[in-house]
Amino acid sequence: MTDAAAAALALIKPEVRAQTAYTLDAPASGTLRKLNQNESPFDAPETVKQAVIAAMRDEPWNRYPPLAPTDLLERLAARHGWVADGVLIGNGSNELIQATLAVTVGAGTPVVTPVPTFSLYRLLAAVLGGRHVPVPLTADFQFDLDALVGAARAARAPLIVINSPNNPTGTPLPEGAVARLLAETGALILLDEAYQDFGGPTAVPLLRDQPRLIVLRTFSKAMSRAGAPRRGRRDRQGEAALQRWPGDARRGAGGARRR
């Protein structure tokens, strides 16, 4: 590395420089199957592809899409039995996870997650200067709720991030687990339900009474939309976060609705 390159690199936050490269290389062998991104083995139907292409073709590509796509927000809200101004949409789950951690995690902020789980939670916490608090799964890969509650209380963590069903174990949270975490800790619960379409209880019904809960859902897994175009007013967003904003806070944030 040249001196100039080293000097430029030194301008990057040390928390970022400390991270190892995140690789997604697929195996070259034709006898192996690519599993590392949990993609659906089934492509989207041709009729769906053609409908998306037609919608994109008819849109003005020289114009930015609307900040808040009202029609999409209302459709997602109706699908989940929720309200449109409680839905935030984005281009991929990672964007919404990053947005949530960006407004909750600062220098030294403890972030509790089970382990093993989706590695992005730990990586983003570190990049933002936070402190990852890992809580191992049990010997049979179940969530250890007692340990999660204890870790959050001991660290006074403002954020617990859980993927249910969990990646990579497929373990769902048991019925009542999210309600218990909300009742026994003071943390914001970020529940990533990327795989909920495959089974397990959902926490969406809790949103109506729980302002400390955010639920993430995606089109990328069960809906076979991981590689779908995300450009255009009708089809640019692939993920949705369902959340409850109490009172004026919800109305005040309404202009920024986007998962």
C-alpha atoms as a PDB file:
ATOM      1  CA  MET A   1       0.000   0.000   0.000  1.00  0.00           C
ATOM      2  CA  THR A   2       1.351   3.418  -0.922  1.00  0.00           C
ATOM      3  CA  ASP A   3       1.724   6.195   1.628  1.00  0.00           C
ATOM      4  CA  ALA A   4      -1.011   8.154  -0.144  1.00  0.00           C
ATOM      5  CA  ALA A   5      -3.397   5.194  -0.014  1.00  0.00           C
ATOM      6  CA  ALA A   6      -2.617   4.618   3.667  1.00  0.00           C
ATOM      7  CA  ALA A   7      -3.272   8.290   4.428  1.00  0.00           C
ATOM      8  CA  ALA A   8      -6.606   8.138   2.622  1.00  0.00           C
ATOM      9  CA  LEU A   9      -7.577   4.951   4.449  1.00  0.00           C
ATOM     10  CA  ALA A  10      -6.745   6.594   7.767  1.00  0.00           C
ATOM     11  CA  LEU A  11      -9.637   9.004   7.152  1.00  0.00           C
ATOM     12  CA  ILE A  12     -12.092   6.115   7.438  1.00  0.00           C
ATOM     13  CA  LYS A  13     -13.493   5.389  10.896  1.00  0.00           C
ATOM     14  CA  PRO A  14     -11.424   2.762  12.747  1.00  0.00           C
ATOM     15  CA  GLU A  15     -14.637   0.825  13.487  1.00  0.00           C
ATOM     16  CA  VAL A  16     -15.117   0.395   9.736  1.00  0.00           C
ATOM     17  CA  ARG A  17     -11.474  -0.425   9.008  1.00  0.00           C
ATOM     18  CA  ALA A  18     -11.579  -3.146  11.674  1.00  0.00           C
ATOM     19  CA  GLN A  19     -14.243  -5.122   9.820  1.00  0.00           C
ATOM     20  CA  THR A  20     -13.326  -8.135   7.705  1.00  0.00           C
ATOM     21  CA  ALA A  21     -14.517  -8.398   4.126  1.00  0.00           C
ATOM     22  CA  TYR A  22     -18.056  -9.715   3.627  1.00  0.00           C
ATOM     23  CA  THR A  23     -17.987 -12.212   0.782  1.00  0.00           C
ATOM     24  CA  LEU A  24     -20.842 -13.890  -1.069  1.00  0.00           C
ATOM     25  CA  ASP A  25     -18.926 -15.904  -3.645  1.00  0.00           C
ATOM     26  CA  ALA A  26     -20.932 -18.825  -4.999  1.00  0.00           C
ATOM     27  CA  PRO A  27     -19.292 -22.262  -5.385  1.00  0.00           C
ATOM     28  CA  ALA A  28     -18.031 -22.906  -8.922  1.00  0.00           C
ATOM     29  CA  SER A  29     -18.814 -26.613  -8.903  1.00  0.00           C
ATOM     30  CA  GLY A  30     -21.974 -27.659 -10.709  1.00  0.00           C
ATOM     31  CA  THR A  31     -22.572 -30.381  -8.111  1.00  0.00           C
ATOM     32  CA  LEU A  32     -23.033 -27.885  -5.267  1.00  0.00           C
ATOM     33  CA  ARG A  33     -26.028 -25.692  -4.446  1.00  0.00           C
ATOM     34  CA  LYS A  34     -25.774 -22.039  -3.439  1.00  0.00           C
ATOM     35  CA  LEU A  35     -27.342 -21.695   0.011  1.00  0.00           C
ATOM     36  CA  ASN A  36     -25.464 -18.801   1.612  1.00  0.00           C
ATOM     37  CA  GLN A  37     -28.123 -16.167   0.840  1.00  0.00           C
ATOM     38  CA  ASN A  38     -31.215 -18.295   1.469  1.00  0.00           C
ATOM     39  CA  GLU A  39     -32.699 -17.477  -1.927  1.00  0.00           C
ATOM     40  CA  SER A  40     -35.858 -19.143  -3.153  1.00  0.00           C
ATOM     41  CA  PRO A  41     -35.120 -22.016  -5.561  1.00  0.00           C
ATOM     42  CA  PHE A  42     -38.130 -20.916  -7.624  1.00  0.00           C
ATOM     43  CA  ASP A  43     -38.018 -17.974 -10.008  1.00  0.00           C
ATOM     44  CA  ALA A  44     -40.912 -15.507 -10.203  1.00  0.00           C
ATOM     45  CA  PRO A  45     -43.665 -16.450 -12.678  1.00  0.00           C
ATOM     46  CA  GLU A  46     -43.271 -15.063 -16.183  1.00  0.00           C
ATOM     47  CA  THR A  47     -46.545 -13.170 -15.876  1.00  0.00           C
ATOM     48  CA  VAL A  48     -45.216 -11.329 -12.828  1.00  0.00           C
ATOM     49  CA  LYS A  49     -41.971 -10.460 -14.627  1.00  0.00           C
ATOM     50  CA  GLN A  50     -43.844  -9.095 -17.626  1.00  0.00           C
ATOM     51  CA  ALA A  51     -46.146  -7.016 -15.397  1.00  0.00           C
ATOM     52  CA  VAL A  52     -43.136  -5.485 -13.618  1.00  0.00           C
ATOM     53  CA  ILE A  53     -41.364  -4.759 -16.905  1.00  0.00           C
ATOM     54  CA  ALA A  54     -44.483  -3.118 -18.330  1.00  0.00           C
ATOM     55  CA  ALA A  55     -44.946  -0.956 -15.229  1.00  0.00           C
ATOM     56  CA  MET A  56     -41.309   0.160 -15.333  1.00  0.00           C
ATOM     57  CA  ARG A  57     -41.445   0.883 -19.057  1.00  0.00           C
ATOM     58  CA  ASP A  58     -44.446   3.188 -18.642  1.00  0.00           C
ATOM     59  CA  GLU A  59     -42.835   5.269 -15.887  1.00  0.00           C
ATOM     60  CA  PRO A  60     -40.695   8.381 -16.578  1.00  0.00           C
ATOM     61  CA  TRP A  61     -37.138   7.243 -15.862  1.00  0.00           C
ATOM     62  CA  ASN A  62     -35.875  10.815 -15.688  1.00  0.00           C
ATOM     63  CA  ARG A  63     -37.976  11.544 -12.593  1.00  0.00           C
ATOM     64  CA  TYR A  64     -37.350  10.494  -9.016  1.00  0.00           C
ATOM     65  CA  PRO A  65     -40.032   8.228  -7.546  1.00  0.00           C
ATOM     66  CA  PRO A  66     -42.341   9.762  -4.934  1.00  0.00           C
ATOM     67  CA  LEU A  67     -40.895  10.068  -1.452  1.00  0.00           C
ATOM     68  CA  ALA A  68     -43.879   8.230   0.022  1.00  0.00           C
ATOM     69  CA  PRO A  69     -45.565   5.837  -2.464  1.00  0.00           C
ATOM     70  CA  THR A  70     -49.055   6.067  -0.994  1.00  0.00           C
ATOM     71  CA  ASP A  71     -50.609   3.224  -2.975  1.00  0.00           C
ATOM     72  CA  LEU A  72     -47.895   0.743  -1.970  1.00  0.00           C
ATOM     73  CA  LEU A  73     -48.038   1.787   1.675  1.00  0.00           C
ATOM     74  CA  GLU A  74     -51.800   1.306   1.756  1.00  0.00           C
ATOM     75  CA  ARG A  75     -51.598  -2.117   0.076  1.00  0.00           C
ATOM     76  CA  LEU A  76     -48.910  -3.353   2.455  1.00  0.00           C
ATOM     77  CA  ALA A  77     -50.835  -2.036   5.440  1.00  0.00           C
ATOM     78  CA  ALA A  78     -54.003  -3.805   4.266  1.00  0.00           C
ATOM     79  CA  ARG A  79     -52.127  -7.077   3.735  1.00  0.00           C
ATOM     80  CA  HIS A  80     -50.861  -7.068   7.315  1.00  0.00           C
ATOM     81  CA  GLY A  81     -53.913  -5.556   8.982  1.00  0.00           C
ATOM     82  CA  TRP A  82     -52.054  -2.399   9.848  1.00  0.00           C
ATOM     83  CA  VAL A  83     -52.143   1.356   9.106  1.00  0.00           C
ATOM     84  CA  ALA A  84     -50.339   3.003   6.195  1.00  0.00           C
ATOM     85  CA  ASP A  85     -48.622   5.667   8.306  1.00  0.00           C
ATOM     86  CA  GLY A  86     -47.094   2.873  10.390  1.00  0.00           C
ATOM     87  CA  VAL A  87     -45.315   1.326   7.378  1.00  0.00           C
ATOM     88  CA  LEU A  88     -41.784   2.190   6.288  1.00  0.00           C
ATOM     89  CA  ILE A  89     -40.518   0.745   3.012  1.00  0.00           C
ATOM     90  CA  GLY A  90     -36.997   0.443   1.632  1.00  0.00           C
ATOM     91  CA  ASN A  91     -34.757  -1.164  -0.945  1.00  0.00           C
ATOM     92  CA  GLY A  92     -33.881  -4.364   0.863  1.00  0.00           C
ATOM     93  CA  SER A  93     -33.931  -5.421   4.494  1.00  0.00           C
ATOM     94  CA  ASN A  94     -30.348  -4.302   4.992  1.00  0.00           C
ATOM     95  CA  GLU A  95     -31.348  -0.692   4.357  1.00  0.00           C
ATOM     96  CA  LEU A  96     -34.056  -0.822   7.012  1.00  0.00           C
ATOM     97  CA  ILE A  97     -31.873  -2.632   9.537  1.00  0.00           C
ATOM     98  CA  GLN A  98     -29.161  -0.034   8.997  1.00  0.00           C
ATOM     99  CA  ALA A  99     -31.667   2.823   9.337  1.00  0.00           C
ATOM    100  CA  THR A 100     -32.969   1.437  12.638  1.00  0.00           C
ATOM    101  CA  LEU A 101     -29.522   0.937  14.109  1.00  0.00           C
ATOM    102  CA  ALA A 102     -28.375   4.362  12.868  1.00  0.00           C
ATOM    103  CA  VAL A 103     -30.980   6.107  15.020  1.00  0.00           C
ATOM    104  CA  THR A 104     -30.478   3.908  18.101  1.00  0.00           C
ATOM    105  CA  VAL A 105     -26.788   2.976  18.263  1.00  0.00           C
ATOM    106  CA  GLY A 106     -23.924   5.280  19.162  1.00  0.00           C
ATOM    107  CA  ALA A 107     -20.541   4.965  20.821  1.00  0.00           C
ATOM    108  CA  GLY A 108     -20.659   2.090  23.293  1.00  0.00           C
ATOM    109  CA  THR A 109     -24.381   1.362  22.861  1.00  0.00           C
ATOM    110  CA  PRO A 110     -25.085  -2.294  23.781  1.00  0.00           C
ATOM    111  CA  VAL A 111     -27.004  -4.228  21.124  1.00  0.00           C
ATOM    112  CA  VAL A 112     -28.302  -7.650  22.188  1.00  0.00           C
ATOM    113  CA  THR A 113     -28.741 -10.435  19.627  1.00  0.00           C
ATOM    114  CA  PRO A 114     -28.901 -14.219  19.747  1.00  0.00           C
ATOM    115  CA  VAL A 115     -25.948 -16.074  18.211  1.00  0.00           C
ATOM    116  CA  PRO A 116     -25.535 -17.500  15.711  1.00  0.00           C
ATOM    117  CA  THR A 117     -27.780 -15.245  13.641  1.00  0.00           C
ATOM    118  CA  PHE A 118     -27.659 -12.917  10.628  1.00  0.00           C
ATOM    119  CA  SER A 119     -24.174 -11.376  10.850  1.00  0.00           C
ATOM    120  CA  LEU A 120     -25.250  -7.933   9.628  1.00  0.00           C
ATOM    121  CA  TYR A 121     -26.649  -7.005  13.045  1.00  0.00           C
ATOM    122  CA  ARG A 122     -23.233  -7.425  14.683  1.00  0.00           C
ATOM    123  CA  LEU A 123     -21.363  -5.761  11.804  1.00  0.00           C
ATOM    124  CA  LEU A 124     -23.581  -2.668  11.734  1.00  0.00           C
ATOM    125  CA  ALA A 125     -23.460  -2.297  15.511  1.00  0.00           C
ATOM    126  CA  ALA A 126     -19.671  -2.301  15.328  1.00  0.00           C
ATOM    127  CA  VAL A 127     -19.520   0.180  12.431  1.00  0.00           C
ATOM    128  CA  LEU A 128     -21.755   2.555  14.381  1.00  0.00           C
ATOM    129  CA  GLY A 129     -19.502   2.280  17.435  1.00  0.00           C
ATOM    130  CA  GLY A 130     -21.848   0.083  19.425  1.00  0.00           C
ATOM    131  CA  ARG A 131     -21.104  -2.954  21.561  1.00  0.00           C
ATOM    132  CA  HIS A 132     -22.500  -6.298  20.455  1.00  0.00           C
ATOM    133  CA  VAL A 133     -23.882  -8.411  23.311  1.00  0.00           C
ATOM    134  CA  PRO A 134     -24.189 -12.003  22.036  1.00  0.00           C
ATOM    135  CA  VAL A 135     -26.584 -14.463  23.668  1.00  0.00           C
ATOM    136  CA  PRO A 136     -25.974 -18.083  22.558  1.00  0.00           C
ATOM    137  CA  LEU A 137     -28.845 -20.276  21.471  1.00  0.00           C
ATOM    138  CA  THR A 138     -29.476 -23.372  23.565  1.00  0.00           C
ATOM    139  CA  ALA A 139     -27.854 -26.719  22.726  1.00  0.00           C
ATOM    140  CA  ASP A 140     -30.841 -27.618  20.531  1.00  0.00           C
ATOM    141  CA  PHE A 141     -30.744 -24.227  18.730  1.00  0.00           C
ATOM    142  CA  GLN A 142     -33.693 -22.659  20.561  1.00  0.00           C
ATOM    143  CA  PHE A 143     -33.821 -19.049  21.724  1.00  0.00           C
ATOM    144  CA  ASP A 144     -32.787 -18.685  25.361  1.00  0.00           C
ATOM    145  CA  LEU A 145     -35.356 -16.132  26.508  1.00  0.00           C
ATOM    146  CA  ASP A 146     -34.134 -16.054  30.102  1.00  0.00           C
ATOM    147  CA  ALA A 147     -30.624 -15.246  28.884  1.00  0.00           C
ATOM    148  CA  LEU A 148     -31.871 -12.622  26.405  1.00  0.00           C
ATOM    149  CA  VAL A 149     -33.826 -10.839  29.122  1.00  0.00           C
ATOM    150  CA  GLY A 150     -30.917 -11.102  31.555  1.00  0.00           C
ATOM    151  CA  ALA A 151     -28.382  -9.785  29.031  1.00  0.00           C
ATOM    152  CA  ALA A 152     -30.580  -6.846  28.041  1.00  0.00           C
ATOM    153  CA  ARG A 153     -31.168  -5.903  31.669  1.00  0.00           C
ATOM    154  CA  ALA A 154     -27.534  -6.302  32.703  1.00  0.00           C
ATOM    155  CA  ALA A 155     -26.266  -4.221  29.775  1.00  0.00           C
ATOM    156  CA  ARG A 156     -29.188  -1.758  29.929  1.00  0.00           C
ATOM    157  CA  ALA A 157     -29.464  -2.319  26.203  1.00  0.00           C
ATOM    158  CA  PRO A 158     -31.778   0.024  24.285  1.00  0.00           C
ATOM    159  CA  LEU A 159     -32.045  -2.447  21.398  1.00  0.00           C
ATOM    160  CA  ILE A 160     -32.640  -6.192  20.975  1.00  0.00           C
ATOM    161  CA  VAL A 161     -32.462  -7.567  17.422  1.00  0.00           C
ATOM    162  CA  ILE A 162     -33.956 -10.988  16.689  1.00  0.00           C
ATOM    163  CA  ASN A 163     -34.444 -12.872  13.433  1.00  0.00           C
ATOM    164  CA  SER A 164     -37.455 -15.224  13.623  1.00  0.00           C
ATOM    165  CA  PRO A 165     -37.348 -17.795  12.163  1.00  0.00           C
ATOM    166  CA  ASN A 166     -33.648 -17.458  12.793  1.00  0.00           C
ATOM    167  CA  ASN A 167     -30.986 -17.419  10.098  1.00  0.00           C
ATOM    168  CA  PRO A 168     -29.162 -19.855   9.906  1.00  0.00           C
ATOM    169  CA  THR A 169     -30.921 -22.301  12.258  1.00  0.00           C
ATOM    170  CA  GLY A 170     -34.545 -21.913  11.127  1.00  0.00           C
ATOM    171  CA  THR A 171     -35.637 -21.603  14.759  1.00  0.00           C
ATOM    172  CA  PRO A 172     -38.811 -19.549  15.371  1.00  0.00           C
ATOM    173  CA  LEU A 173     -39.478 -17.629  18.539  1.00  0.00           C
ATOM    174  CA  PRO A 174     -42.118 -19.442  20.600  1.00  0.00           C
ATOM    175  CA  GLU A 175     -45.585 -17.972  21.024  1.00  0.00           C
ATOM    176  CA  GLY A 176     -45.535 -15.156  23.574  1.00  0.00           C
ATOM    177  CA  ALA A 177     -41.761 -14.606  23.425  1.00  0.00           C
ATOM    178  CA  VAL A 178     -41.900 -11.096  21.947  1.00  0.00           C
ATOM    179  CA  ALA A 179     -44.524 -10.016  24.469  1.00  0.00           C
ATOM    180  CA  ARG A 180     -42.267 -11.273  27.243  1.00  0.00           C
ATOM    181  CA  LEU A 181     -39.221  -9.392  25.919  1.00  0.00           C
ATOM    182  CA  LEU A 182     -41.279  -6.203  25.759  1.00  0.00           C
ATOM    183  CA  ALA A 183     -42.679  -6.712  29.248  1.00  0.00           C
ATOM    184  CA  GLU A 184     -39.420  -7.654  30.964  1.00  0.00           C
ATOM    185  CA  THR A 185     -36.996  -5.227  29.287  1.00  0.00           C
ATOM    186  CA  GLY A 186     -37.108  -1.565  28.357  1.00  0.00           C
ATOM    187  CA  ALA A 187     -35.504  -2.162  24.963  1.00  0.00           C
ATOM    188  CA  LEU A 188     -36.736  -1.448  21.474  1.00  0.00           C
ATOM    189  CA  ILE A 189     -37.362  -4.832  19.839  1.00  0.00           C
ATOM    190  CA  LEU A 190     -36.354  -5.080  16.177  1.00  0.00           C
ATOM    191  CA  LEU A 191     -37.929  -8.318  14.975  1.00  0.00           C
ATOM    192  CA  ASP A 192     -36.691  -9.417  11.561  1.00  0.00           C
ATOM    193  CA  GLU A 193     -39.405 -11.685  10.117  1.00  0.00           C
ATOM    194  CA  ALA A 194     -37.715 -12.201   6.738  1.00  0.00           C
ATOM    195  CA  TYR A 195     -38.588 -15.913   6.870  1.00  0.00           C
ATOM    196  CA  GLN A 196     -41.941 -15.736   8.662  1.00  0.00           C
ATOM    197  CA  ASP A 197     -43.814 -16.797   5.515  1.00  0.00           C
ATOM    198  CA  PHE A 198     -42.264 -20.241   6.035  1.00  0.00           C
ATOM    199  CA  GLY A 199     -43.736 -20.660   9.518  1.00  0.00           C
ATOM    200  CA  GLY A 200     -43.732 -19.619  13.150  1.00  0.00           C
ATOM    201  CA  PRO A 201     -45.770 -16.973  14.987  1.00  0.00           C
ATOM    202  CA  THR A 202     -45.714 -13.357  13.866  1.00  0.00           C
ATOM    203  CA  ALA A 203     -45.536 -10.338  16.160  1.00  0.00           C
ATOM    204  CA  VAL A 204     -47.536  -8.076  13.830  1.00  0.00           C
ATOM    205  CA  PRO A 205     -50.695  -8.215  16.032  1.00  0.00           C
ATOM    206  CA  LEU A 206     -48.658  -6.775  18.935  1.00  0.00           C
ATOM    207  CA  LEU A 207     -47.951  -3.551  17.054  1.00  0.00           C
ATOM    208  CA  ARG A 208     -51.274  -2.004  17.981  1.00  0.00           C
ATOM    209  CA  ASP A 209     -50.343  -1.836  21.669  1.00  0.00           C
ATOM    210  CA  GLN A 210     -46.524  -1.886  21.604  1.00  0.00           C
ATOM    211  CA  PRO A 211     -44.668   1.305  20.579  1.00  0.00           C
ATOM    212  CA  ARG A 212     -41.285  -0.372  21.248  1.00  0.00           C
ATOM    213  CA  LEU A 213     -41.722  -2.964  18.502  1.00  0.00           C
ATOM    214  CA  ILE A 214     -40.591  -2.868  14.861  1.00  0.00           C
ATOM    215  CA  VAL A 215     -41.349  -5.837  12.581  1.00  0.00           C
ATOM    216  CA  LEU A 216     -39.457  -6.337   9.315  1.00  0.00           C
ATOM    217  CA  ARG A 217     -40.903  -8.302   6.385  1.00  0.00           C
ATOM    218  CA  THR A 218     -39.512  -8.974   2.900  1.00  0.00           C
ATOM    219  CA  PHE A 219     -40.431  -9.988  -0.646  1.00  0.00           C
ATOM    220  CA  SER A 220     -36.939 -11.402  -1.213  1.00  0.00           C
ATOM    221  CA  LYS A 221     -37.351 -14.881   0.255  1.00  0.00           C
ATOM    222  CA  ALA A 222     -40.719 -16.650  -0.044  1.00  0.00           C
ATOM    223  CA  MET A 223     -41.846 -14.204  -2.738  1.00  0.00           C
ATOM    224  CA  SER A 224     -38.794 -14.912  -4.958  1.00  0.00           C
ATOM    225  CA  ARG A 225     -37.999 -11.216  -5.352  1.00  0.00           C
ATOM    226  CA  ALA A 226     -34.337 -11.138  -4.238  1.00  0.00           C
ATOM    227  CA  GLY A 227     -33.096 -10.043  -7.665  1.00  0.00           C
ATOM    228  CA  ALA A 228     -36.186  -8.214  -8.909  1.00  0.00           C
ATOM    229  CA  PRO A 229     -35.842  -4.668 -10.287  1.00  0.00           C
ATOM    230  CA  ARG A 230     -36.196  -2.025  -7.604  1.00  0.00           C
ATOM    231  CA  ARG A 231     -36.415   0.994  -9.852  1.00  0.00           C
ATOM    232  CA  GLY A 232     -39.705   2.645 -10.736  1.00  0.00           C
ATOM    233  CA  ARG A 233     -42.566   4.184  -8.856  1.00  0.00           C
ATOM    234  CA  ARG A 234     -44.628   1.030  -8.470  1.00  0.00           C
ATOM    235  CA  ASP A 235     -41.876  -1.520  -7.957  1.00  0.00           C
ATOM    236  CA  ARG A 236     -38.806   0.107  -6.490  1.00  0.00           C
ATOM    237  CA  GLN A 237     -39.181  -1.062  -2.893  1.00  0.00           C
ATOM    238  CA  GLY A 238     -38.746  -4.653  -1.806  1.00  0.00           C
ATOM    239  CA  GLU A 239     -39.142  -4.657   1.968  1.00  0.00           C
ATOM    240  CA  ALA A 240     -41.440  -3.256   4.654  1.00  0.00           C
ATOM    241  CA  ALA A 241     -41.074  -2.335   8.314  1.00  0.00           C
ATOM    242  CA  LEU A 242     -44.257  -2.270  10.357  1.00  0.00           C
ATOM    243  CA  GLN A 243     -44.115  -0.028  13.392  1.00  0.00           C
ATOM    244  CA  ARG A 244     -46.315   1.852  15.824  1.00  0.00           C
ATOM    245  CA  TRP A 245     -45.551   5.528  16.331  1.00  0.00           C
ATOM    246  CA  PRO A 246     -47.377   6.953  19.352  1.00  0.00           C
ATOM    247  CA  GLY A 247     -49.309  10.192  18.960  1.00  0.00           C
ATOM    248  CA  ASP A 248     -47.552  13.167  17.448  1.00  0.00           C
ATOM    249  CA  ALA A 249     -44.335  11.217  16.813  1.00  0.00           C
ATOM    250  CA  ARG A 250     -46.114   9.077  14.249  1.00  0.00           C
ATOM    251  CA  ARG A 251     -47.709  12.027  12.485  1.00  0.00           C
ATOM    252  CA  GLY A 252     -44.494  14.025  12.524  1.00  0.00           C
ATOM    253  CA  ALA A 253     -42.539  11.213  10.877  1.00  0.00           C
ATOM    254  CA  GLY A 254     -45.179  10.551   8.251  1.00  0.00           C
ATOM    255  CA  GLY A 255     -43.294  12.361   5.491  1.00  0.00           C
ATOM    256  CA  ALA A 256     -40.417   9.918   5.749  1.00  0.00           C
ATOM    257  CA  ARG A 257     -42.381   6.689   5.365  1.00  0.00           C
ATOM    258  CA  ARG A 258     -40.658   4.218   3.200  1.00  0.00           C
ATOM    259  CA  ARG A 259     -40.022  -1.849   4.040  1.00  0.00           C
END
